[in-house]
Amino acid sequence: MSNQNPEQIARDHIDEQLIACGWIIQSKSKINLNAGIGVAVREYLTDVGPADYVLFVEGKPVGIIEAKREEEGHKLTVHEDQAEEIKIAVIP
């Protein structure tokens, strides 16, 4: 039996999938966008709050991953406004 909460379990699954696809996972406190071609930063701060993951390719933001409960997967359009409001400030 796991002592992790659902958010931690979901993050572990997302990390596994990103790593399997070649992404380098980093925490927000230790960002090095030059660590590889694809860097995924956890809890990256945006102007509307932290995104679960921001994906960078060659130092440029290219995508955002917002984890949602599995039972919400069929109604993702409900969360479109959240994604549309996000602006990413790139750290030089």
PDB file of N, CA and C in Angstrom:
ATOM      1  N   MET A   1       0.835  -1.175   0.000  1.00  0.00           N
ATOM      2  CA  MET A   1       0.000   0.000   0.000  1.00  0.00           C
ATOM      3  C   MET A   1       0.884   1.244   0.000  1.00  0.00           C
ATOM      4  N   SER A   2       0.535   2.198  -0.809  1.00  0.00           N
ATOM      5  CA  SER A   2       1.334   3.405  -0.962  1.00  0.00           C
ATOM      6  C   SER A   2       0.939   4.440   0.082  1.00  0.00           C
ATOM      7  N   ASN A   3       1.932   5.192   0.546  1.00  0.00           N
ATOM      8  CA  ASN A   3       1.638   6.271   1.481  1.00  0.00           C
ATOM      9  C   ASN A   3       1.596   7.618   0.759  1.00  0.00           C
ATOM     10  N   GLN A   4       1.534   7.605  -0.560  1.00  0.00           N
ATOM     11  CA  GLN A   4       1.469   8.829  -1.343  1.00  0.00           C
ATOM     12  C   GLN A   4       0.024   9.265  -1.533  1.00  0.00           C
ATOM     13  N   ASN A   5      -0.166  10.593  -1.600  1.00  0.00           N
ATOM     14  CA  ASN A   5      -1.509  11.079  -1.898  1.00  0.00           C
ATOM     15  C   ASN A   5      -1.741  10.976  -3.407  1.00  0.00           C
ATOM     16  N   PRO A   6      -2.987  11.139  -3.865  1.00  0.00           N
ATOM     17  CA  PRO A   6      -3.279  10.990  -5.299  1.00  0.00           C
ATOM     18  C   PRO A   6      -2.456  11.919  -6.189  1.00  0.00           C
ATOM     19  N   GLU A   7      -2.188  13.132  -5.730  1.00  0.00           N
ATOM     20  CA  GLU A   7      -1.389  14.072  -6.533  1.00  0.00           C
ATOM     21  C   GLU A   7       0.040  13.555  -6.726  1.00  0.00           C
ATOM     22  N   GLN A   8       0.635  13.010  -5.687  1.00  0.00           N
ATOM     23  CA  GLN A   8       1.991  12.471  -5.787  1.00  0.00           C
ATOM     24  C   GLN A   8       2.027  11.256  -6.716  1.00  0.00           C
ATOM     25  N   ILE A   9       1.014  10.428  -6.626  1.00  0.00           N
ATOM     26  CA  ILE A   9       0.946   9.243  -7.492  1.00  0.00           C
ATOM     27  C   ILE A   9       0.819   9.681  -8.945  1.00  0.00           C
ATOM     28  N   ALA A  10      -0.052  10.660  -9.199  1.00  0.00           N
ATOM     29  CA  ALA A  10      -0.222  11.167 -10.567  1.00  0.00           C
ATOM     30  C   ALA A  10       1.073  11.771 -11.090  1.00  0.00           C
ATOM     31  N   ARG A  11       1.772  12.535 -10.254  1.00  0.00           N
ATOM     32  CA  ARG A  11       3.041  13.149 -10.666  1.00  0.00           C
ATOM     33  C   ARG A  11       4.068  12.072 -11.019  1.00  0.00           C
ATOM     34  N   ASP A  12       4.112  11.004 -10.239  1.00  0.00           N
ATOM     35  CA  ASP A  12       5.035   9.898 -10.541  1.00  0.00           C
ATOM     36  C   ASP A  12       4.726   9.291 -11.911  1.00  0.00           C
ATOM     37  N   HIS A  13       3.437   9.110 -12.214  1.00  0.00           N
ATOM     38  CA  HIS A  13       3.046   8.544 -13.515  1.00  0.00           C
ATOM     39  C   HIS A  13       3.405   9.501 -14.651  1.00  0.00           C
ATOM     40  N   ILE A  14       3.155  10.786 -14.452  1.00  0.00           N
ATOM     41  CA  ILE A  14       3.494  11.771 -15.488  1.00  0.00           C
ATOM     42  C   ILE A  14       5.008  11.815 -15.688  1.00  0.00           C
ATOM     43  N   ASP A  15       5.759  11.828 -14.591  1.00  0.00           N
ATOM     44  CA  ASP A  15       7.226  11.828 -14.689  1.00  0.00           C
ATOM     45  C   ASP A  15       7.714  10.618 -15.494  1.00  0.00           C
ATOM     46  N   GLU A  16       7.183   9.444 -15.184  1.00  0.00           N
ATOM     47  CA  GLU A  16       7.591   8.223 -15.894  1.00  0.00           C
ATOM     48  C   GLU A  16       7.346   8.355 -17.395  1.00  0.00           C
ATOM     49  N   GLN A  17       6.189   8.888 -17.758  1.00  0.00           N
ATOM     50  CA  GLN A  17       5.853   9.023 -19.169  1.00  0.00           C
ATOM     51  C   GLN A  17       6.735  10.055 -19.865  1.00  0.00           C
ATOM     52  N   LEU A  18       6.989  11.174 -19.200  1.00  0.00           N
ATOM     53  CA  LEU A  18       7.853  12.199 -19.792  1.00  0.00           C
ATOM     54  C   LEU A  18       9.281  11.671 -19.980  1.00  0.00           C
ATOM     55  N   ILE A  19       9.802  10.999 -18.961  1.00  0.00           N
ATOM     56  CA  ILE A  19      11.159  10.442 -19.039  1.00  0.00           C
ATOM     57  C   ILE A  19      11.238   9.410 -20.164  1.00  0.00           C
ATOM     58  N   ALA A  20      10.200   8.575 -20.293  1.00  0.00           N
ATOM     59  CA  ALA A  20      10.185   7.565 -21.365  1.00  0.00           C
ATOM     60  C   ALA A  20      10.210   8.221 -22.749  1.00  0.00           C
ATOM     61  N   CYS A  21       9.713   9.448 -22.829  1.00  0.00           N
ATOM     62  CA  CYS A  21       9.704  10.185 -24.106  1.00  0.00           C
ATOM     63  C   CYS A  21      10.953  11.043 -24.291  1.00  0.00           C
ATOM     64  N   GLY A  22      11.873  10.990 -23.328  1.00  0.00           N
ATOM     65  CA  GLY A  22      13.136  11.708 -23.475  1.00  0.00           C
ATOM     66  C   GLY A  22      13.219  13.067 -22.805  1.00  0.00           C
ATOM     67  N   TRP A  23      12.204  13.462 -22.043  1.00  0.00           N
ATOM     68  CA  TRP A  23      12.239  14.744 -21.360  1.00  0.00           C
ATOM     69  C   TRP A  23      13.101  14.663 -20.106  1.00  0.00           C
ATOM     70  N   ILE A  24      13.755  15.751 -19.773  1.00  0.00           N
ATOM     71  CA  ILE A  24      14.488  15.888 -18.519  1.00  0.00           C
ATOM     72  C   ILE A  24      13.548  16.608 -17.551  1.00  0.00           C
ATOM     73  N   ILE A  25      13.302  16.015 -16.394  1.00  0.00           N
ATOM     74  CA  ILE A  25      12.384  16.586 -15.415  1.00  0.00           C
ATOM     75  C   ILE A  25      13.181  17.405 -14.407  1.00  0.00           C
ATOM     76  N   GLN A  26      12.702  18.616 -14.135  1.00  0.00           N
ATOM     77  CA  GLN A  26      13.372  19.479 -13.156  1.00  0.00           C
ATOM     78  C   GLN A  26      12.338  20.100 -12.229  1.00  0.00           C
ATOM     79  N   SER A  27      12.779  20.429 -11.022  1.00  0.00           N
ATOM     80  CA  SER A  27      11.911  21.140 -10.093  1.00  0.00           C
ATOM     81  C   SER A  27      12.065  22.639 -10.329  1.00  0.00           C
ATOM     82  N   LYS A  28      11.107  23.409  -9.850  1.00  0.00           N
ATOM     83  CA  LYS A  28      11.134  24.850 -10.072  1.00  0.00           C
ATOM     84  C   LYS A  28      12.300  25.521  -9.363  1.00  0.00           C
ATOM     85  N   SER A  29      12.857  24.884  -8.344  1.00  0.00           N
ATOM     86  CA  SER A  29      13.952  25.492  -7.597  1.00  0.00           C
ATOM     87  C   SER A  29      15.320  25.256  -8.239  1.00  0.00           C
ATOM     88  N   LYS A  30      15.396  24.347  -9.200  1.00  0.00           N
ATOM     89  CA  LYS A  30      16.676  24.030  -9.851  1.00  0.00           C
ATOM     90  C   LYS A  30      16.498  23.953 -11.355  1.00  0.00           C
ATOM     91  N   ILE A  31      16.189  25.097 -11.965  1.00  0.00           N
ATOM     92  CA  ILE A  31      15.927  25.120 -13.404  1.00  0.00           C
ATOM     93  C   ILE A  31      17.213  25.352 -14.179  1.00  0.00           C
ATOM     94  N   ASN A  32      17.447  24.458 -15.155  1.00  0.00           N
ATOM     95  CA  ASN A  32      18.543  24.619 -16.104  1.00  0.00           C
ATOM     96  C   ASN A  32      17.980  24.240 -17.473  1.00  0.00           C
ATOM     97  N   LEU A  33      17.508  25.253 -18.187  1.00  0.00           N
ATOM     98  CA  LEU A  33      16.872  24.998 -19.473  1.00  0.00           C
ATOM     99  C   LEU A  33      17.853  24.520 -20.532  1.00  0.00           C
ATOM    100  N   ASN A  34      19.143  24.556 -20.214  1.00  0.00           N
ATOM    101  CA  ASN A  34      20.175  24.068 -21.137  1.00  0.00           C
ATOM    102  C   ASN A  34      20.613  22.647 -20.815  1.00  0.00           C
ATOM    103  N   ALA A  35      19.895  21.970 -19.916  1.00  0.00           N
ATOM    104  CA  ALA A  35      20.272  20.613 -19.509  1.00  0.00           C
ATOM    105  C   ALA A  35      20.059  19.598 -20.624  1.00  0.00           C
ATOM    106  N   GLY A  36      19.248  19.934 -21.594  1.00  0.00           N
ATOM    107  CA  GLY A  36      18.969  19.038 -22.709  1.00  0.00           C
ATOM    108  C   GLY A  36      18.034  19.716 -23.684  1.00  0.00           C
ATOM    109  N   ILE A  37      17.712  19.038 -24.746  1.00  0.00           N
ATOM    110  CA  ILE A  37      16.813  19.621 -25.750  1.00  0.00           C
ATOM    111  C   ILE A  37      15.417  19.823 -25.168  1.00  0.00           C
ATOM    112  N   GLY A  38      14.903  18.833 -24.446  1.00  0.00           N
ATOM    113  CA  GLY A  38      13.569  18.921 -23.860  1.00  0.00           C
ATOM    114  C   GLY A  38      13.621  18.890 -22.355  1.00  0.00           C
ATOM    115  N   VAL A  39      13.145  19.965 -21.730  1.00  0.00           N
ATOM    116  CA  VAL A  39      13.147  20.064 -20.268  1.00  0.00           C
ATOM    117  C   VAL A  39      11.713  20.312 -19.800  1.00  0.00           C
ATOM    118  N   ALA A  40      11.260  19.515 -18.860  1.00  0.00           N
ATOM    119  CA  ALA A  40       9.948  19.683 -18.247  1.00  0.00           C
ATOM    120  C   ALA A  40      10.157  20.190 -16.824  1.00  0.00           C
ATOM    121  N   VAL A  41       9.587  21.349 -16.511  1.00  0.00           N
ATOM    122  CA  VAL A  41       9.767  21.946 -15.189  1.00  0.00           C
ATOM    123  C   VAL A  41       8.461  21.819 -14.408  1.00  0.00           C
ATOM    124  N   ARG A  42       8.543  21.194 -13.231  1.00  0.00           N
ATOM    125  CA  ARG A  42       7.381  21.008 -12.362  1.00  0.00           C
ATOM    126  C   ARG A  42       7.038  22.306 -11.637  1.00  0.00           C
ATOM    127  N   GLU A  43       5.741  22.565 -11.490  1.00  0.00           N
ATOM    128  CA  GLU A  43       5.226  23.698 -10.709  1.00  0.00           C
ATOM    129  C   GLU A  43       5.833  25.030 -11.146  1.00  0.00           C
ATOM    130  N   TYR A  44       5.991  25.207 -12.462  1.00  0.00           N
ATOM    131  CA  TYR A  44       6.573  26.432 -13.016  1.00  0.00           C
ATOM    132  C   TYR A  44       5.578  27.577 -12.834  1.00  0.00           C
ATOM    133  N   LEU A  45       6.043  28.690 -12.292  1.00  0.00           N
ATOM    134  CA  LEU A  45       5.182  29.826 -11.995  1.00  0.00           C
ATOM    135  C   LEU A  45       4.805  30.583 -13.256  1.00  0.00           C
ATOM    136  N   THR A  46       3.504  30.792 -13.450  1.00  0.00           N
ATOM    137  CA  THR A  46       2.983  31.586 -14.560  1.00  0.00           C
ATOM    138  C   THR A  46       2.257  32.783 -13.961  1.00  0.00           C
ATOM    139  N   ASP A  47       1.740  33.655 -14.794  1.00  0.00           N
ATOM    140  CA  ASP A  47       1.054  34.838 -14.283  1.00  0.00           C
ATOM    141  C   ASP A  47      -0.284  34.511 -13.615  1.00  0.00           C
ATOM    142  N   VAL A  48      -0.808  33.302 -13.782  1.00  0.00           N
ATOM    143  CA  VAL A  48      -2.052  32.900 -13.119  1.00  0.00           C
ATOM    144  C   VAL A  48      -1.824  31.805 -12.084  1.00  0.00           C
ATOM    145  N   GLY A  49      -0.589  31.594 -11.709  1.00  0.00           N
ATOM    146  CA  GLY A  49      -0.256  30.571 -10.728  1.00  0.00           C
ATOM    147  C   GLY A  49       0.624  29.496 -11.347  1.00  0.00           C
ATOM    148  N   PRO A  50       1.015  28.518 -10.544  1.00  0.00           N
ATOM    149  CA  PRO A  50       1.908  27.481 -11.057  1.00  0.00           C
ATOM    150  C   PRO A  50       1.208  26.501 -11.993  1.00  0.00           C
ATOM    151  N   ALA A  51       1.900  26.153 -13.082  1.00  0.00           N
ATOM    152  CA  ALA A  51       1.442  25.088 -13.970  1.00  0.00           C
ATOM    153  C   ALA A  51       2.049  23.793 -13.463  1.00  0.00           C
ATOM    154  N   ASP A  52       1.333  22.693 -13.609  1.00  0.00           N
ATOM    155  CA  ASP A  52       1.879  21.413 -13.133  1.00  0.00           C
ATOM    156  C   ASP A  52       3.227  21.140 -13.788  1.00  0.00           C
ATOM    157  N   TYR A  53       3.309  21.317 -15.106  1.00  0.00           N
ATOM    158  CA  TYR A  53       4.562  21.159 -15.844  1.00  0.00           C
ATOM    159  C   TYR A  53       4.557  22.169 -16.993  1.00  0.00           C
ATOM    160  N   VAL A  54       5.698  22.795 -17.237  1.00  0.00           N
ATOM    161  CA  VAL A  54       5.884  23.573 -18.459  1.00  0.00           C
ATOM    162  C   VAL A  54       6.988  22.884 -19.238  1.00  0.00           C
ATOM    163  N   LEU A  55       6.738  22.652 -20.516  1.00  0.00           N
ATOM    164  CA  LEU A  55       7.694  21.955 -21.381  1.00  0.00           C
ATOM    165  C   LEU A  55       8.480  22.978 -22.192  1.00  0.00           C
ATOM    166  N   PHE A  56       9.804  22.830 -22.176  1.00  0.00           N
ATOM    167  CA  PHE A  56      10.696  23.702 -22.916  1.00  0.00           C
ATOM    168  C   PHE A  56      11.486  22.879 -23.926  1.00  0.00           C
ATOM    169  N   VAL A  57      11.610  23.378 -25.130  1.00  0.00           N
ATOM    170  CA  VAL A  57      12.457  22.770 -26.147  1.00  0.00           C
ATOM    171  C   VAL A  57      13.489  23.819 -26.539  1.00  0.00           C
ATOM    172  N   GLU A  58      14.745  23.446 -26.380  1.00  0.00           N
ATOM    173  CA  GLU A  58      15.852  24.357 -26.640  1.00  0.00           C
ATOM    174  C   GLU A  58      15.644  25.691 -25.930  1.00  0.00           C
ATOM    175  N   GLY A  59      15.172  25.627 -24.679  1.00  0.00           N
ATOM    176  CA  GLY A  59      15.006  26.807 -23.838  1.00  0.00           C
ATOM    177  C   GLY A  59      13.748  27.613 -24.085  1.00  0.00           C
ATOM    178  N   LYS A  60      12.909  27.209 -25.022  1.00  0.00           N
ATOM    179  CA  LYS A  60      11.686  27.960 -25.334  1.00  0.00           C
ATOM    180  C   LYS A  60      10.461  27.178 -24.872  1.00  0.00           C
ATOM    181  N   PRO A  61       9.504  27.853 -24.230  1.00  0.00           N
ATOM    182  CA  PRO A  61       8.303  27.147 -23.786  1.00  0.00           C
ATOM    183  C   PRO A  61       7.463  26.701 -24.980  1.00  0.00           C
ATOM    184  N   VAL A  62       7.078  25.433 -24.967  1.00  0.00           N
ATOM    185  CA  VAL A  62       6.293  24.887 -26.079  1.00  0.00           C
ATOM    186  C   VAL A  62       4.993  24.225 -25.628  1.00  0.00           C
ATOM    187  N   GLY A  63       4.831  24.010 -24.340  1.00  0.00           N
ATOM    188  CA  GLY A  63       3.614  23.346 -23.891  1.00  0.00           C
ATOM    189  C   GLY A  63       3.467  23.353 -22.391  1.00  0.00           C
ATOM    190  N   ILE A  64       2.256  23.076 -21.971  1.00  0.00           N
ATOM    191  CA  ILE A  64       1.933  23.019 -20.549  1.00  0.00           C
ATOM    192  C   ILE A  64       1.162  21.737 -20.300  1.00  0.00           C
ATOM    193  N   ILE A  65       1.494  21.087 -19.186  1.00  0.00           N
ATOM    194  CA  ILE A  65       0.733  19.910 -18.756  1.00  0.00           C
ATOM    195  C   ILE A  65       0.036  20.288 -17.462  1.00  0.00           C
ATOM    196  N   GLU A  66      -1.277  20.185 -17.463  1.00  0.00           N
ATOM    197  CA  GLU A  66      -2.081  20.378 -16.269  1.00  0.00           C
ATOM    198  C   GLU A  66      -2.751  19.056 -15.955  1.00  0.00           C
ATOM    199  N   ALA A  67      -2.350  18.441 -14.886  1.00  0.00           N
ATOM    200  CA  ALA A  67      -2.912  17.145 -14.506  1.00  0.00           C
ATOM    201  C   ALA A  67      -4.324  17.330 -13.969  1.00  0.00           C
ATOM    202  N   LYS A  68      -5.204  16.463 -14.396  1.00  0.00           N
ATOM    203  CA  LYS A  68      -6.587  16.456 -13.926  1.00  0.00           C
ATOM    204  C   LYS A  68      -6.947  15.044 -13.506  1.00  0.00           C
ATOM    205  N   ARG A  69      -7.963  14.941 -12.673  1.00  0.00           N
ATOM    206  CA  ARG A  69      -8.424  13.620 -12.257  1.00  0.00           C
ATOM    207  C   ARG A  69      -8.846  12.808 -13.466  1.00  0.00           C
ATOM    208  N   GLU A  70      -8.622  11.514 -13.396  1.00  0.00           N
ATOM    209  CA  GLU A  70      -8.954  10.630 -14.510  1.00  0.00           C
ATOM    210  C   GLU A  70     -10.423  10.728 -14.903  1.00  0.00           C
ATOM    211  N   GLU A  71     -11.284  10.886 -13.912  1.00  0.00           N
ATOM    212  CA  GLU A  71     -12.713  10.960 -14.220  1.00  0.00           C
ATOM    213  C   GLU A  71     -13.100  12.264 -14.925  1.00  0.00           C
ATOM    214  N   GLU A  72     -12.199  13.244 -14.972  1.00  0.00           N
ATOM    215  CA  GLU A  72     -12.458  14.488 -15.694  1.00  0.00           C
ATOM    216  C   GLU A  72     -11.934  14.432 -17.129  1.00  0.00           C
ATOM    217  N   GLY A  73     -11.295  13.352 -17.510  1.00  0.00           N
ATOM    218  CA  GLY A  73     -10.689  13.240 -18.829  1.00  0.00           C
ATOM    219  C   GLY A  73     -11.664  13.393 -19.977  1.00  0.00           C
ATOM    220  N   HIS A  74     -12.907  13.045 -19.767  1.00  0.00           N
ATOM    221  CA  HIS A  74     -13.900  13.141 -20.833  1.00  0.00           C
ATOM    222  C   HIS A  74     -14.450  14.550 -20.996  1.00  0.00           C
ATOM    223  N   LYS A  75     -14.130  15.458 -20.083  1.00  0.00           N
ATOM    224  CA  LYS A  75     -14.646  16.826 -20.182  1.00  0.00           C
ATOM    225  C   LYS A  75     -13.522  17.863 -20.069  1.00  0.00           C
ATOM    226  N   LEU A  76     -12.466  17.634 -20.816  1.00  0.00           N
ATOM    227  CA  LEU A  76     -11.311  18.532 -20.767  1.00  0.00           C
ATOM    228  C   LEU A  76     -11.625  19.940 -21.245  1.00  0.00           C
ATOM    229  N   THR A  77     -12.622  20.113 -22.077  1.00  0.00           N
ATOM    230  CA  THR A  77     -12.941  21.456 -22.563  1.00  0.00           C
ATOM    231  C   THR A  77     -13.332  22.388 -21.422  1.00  0.00           C
ATOM    232  N   VAL A  78     -13.752  21.843 -20.289  1.00  0.00           N
ATOM    233  CA  VAL A  78     -14.076  22.652 -19.122  1.00  0.00           C
ATOM    234  C   VAL A  78     -12.837  23.408 -18.639  1.00  0.00           C
ATOM    235  N   HIS A  79     -11.653  22.854 -18.893  1.00  0.00           N
ATOM    236  CA  HIS A  79     -10.412  23.435 -18.389  1.00  0.00           C
ATOM    237  C   HIS A  79      -9.689  24.300 -19.426  1.00  0.00           C
ATOM    238  N   GLU A  80     -10.297  24.530 -20.567  1.00  0.00           N
ATOM    239  CA  GLU A  80      -9.647  25.330 -21.607  1.00  0.00           C
ATOM    240  C   GLU A  80      -9.338  26.742 -21.147  1.00  0.00           C
ATOM    241  N   ASP A  81     -10.248  27.368 -20.400  1.00  0.00           N
ATOM    242  CA  ASP A  81     -10.018  28.732 -19.934  1.00  0.00           C
ATOM    243  C   ASP A  81      -8.749  28.824 -19.087  1.00  0.00           C
ATOM    244  N   GLN A  82      -8.510  27.825 -18.270  1.00  0.00           N
ATOM    245  CA  GLN A  82      -7.308  27.815 -17.447  1.00  0.00           C
ATOM    246  C   GLN A  82      -6.067  27.860 -18.317  1.00  0.00           C
ATOM    247  N   ALA A  83      -6.025  27.087 -19.366  1.00  0.00           N
ATOM    248  CA  ALA A  83      -4.861  27.036 -20.250  1.00  0.00           C
ATOM    249  C   ALA A  83      -4.717  28.314 -21.059  1.00  0.00           C
ATOM    250  N   GLU A  84      -5.819  28.896 -21.492  1.00  0.00           N
ATOM    251  CA  GLU A  84      -5.765  30.105 -22.300  1.00  0.00           C
ATOM    252  C   GLU A  84      -5.239  31.300 -21.541  1.00  0.00           C
ATOM    253  N   GLU A  85      -5.416  31.338 -20.215  1.00  0.00           N
ATOM    254  CA  GLU A  85      -4.993  32.469 -19.409  1.00  0.00           C
ATOM    255  C   GLU A  85      -3.512  32.457 -19.060  1.00  0.00           C
ATOM    256  N   ILE A  86      -2.838  31.355 -19.294  1.00  0.00           N
ATOM    257  CA  ILE A  86      -1.451  31.222 -18.862  1.00  0.00           C
ATOM    258  C   ILE A  86      -0.502  31.917 -19.795  1.00  0.00           C
ATOM    259  N   LYS A  87       0.357  32.724 -19.214  1.00  0.00           N
ATOM    260  CA  LYS A  87       1.463  33.342 -19.932  1.00  0.00           C
ATOM    261  C   LYS A  87       2.724  32.929 -19.195  1.00  0.00           C
ATOM    262  N   ILE A  88       3.755  32.613 -19.952  1.00  0.00           N
ATOM    263  CA  ILE A  88       4.975  32.101 -19.352  1.00  0.00           C
ATOM    264  C   ILE A  88       6.074  33.148 -19.474  1.00  0.00           C
ATOM    265  N   ALA A  89       6.682  33.452 -18.339  1.00  0.00           N
ATOM    266  CA  ALA A  89       7.846  34.325 -18.343  1.00  0.00           C
ATOM    267  C   ALA A  89       9.073  33.422 -18.401  1.00  0.00           C
ATOM    268  N   VAL A  90       9.881  33.598 -19.419  1.00  0.00           N
ATOM    269  CA  VAL A  90      11.063  32.765 -19.594  1.00  0.00           C
ATOM    270  C   VAL A  90      12.218  33.370 -18.823  1.00  0.00           C
ATOM    271  N   ILE A  91      12.873  32.560 -18.020  1.00  0.00           N
ATOM    272  CA  ILE A  91      14.032  32.999 -17.250  1.00  0.00           C
ATOM    273  C   ILE A  91      15.251  32.918 -18.155  1.00  0.00           C
ATOM    274  N   PRO A  92      15.964  34.038 -18.335  1.00  0.00           N
ATOM    275  CA  PRO A  92      17.136  34.000 -19.237  1.00  0.00           C
ATOM    276  C   PRO A  92      18.256  33.135 -18.714  1.00  0.00           C
TER     277      PRO A  92
END
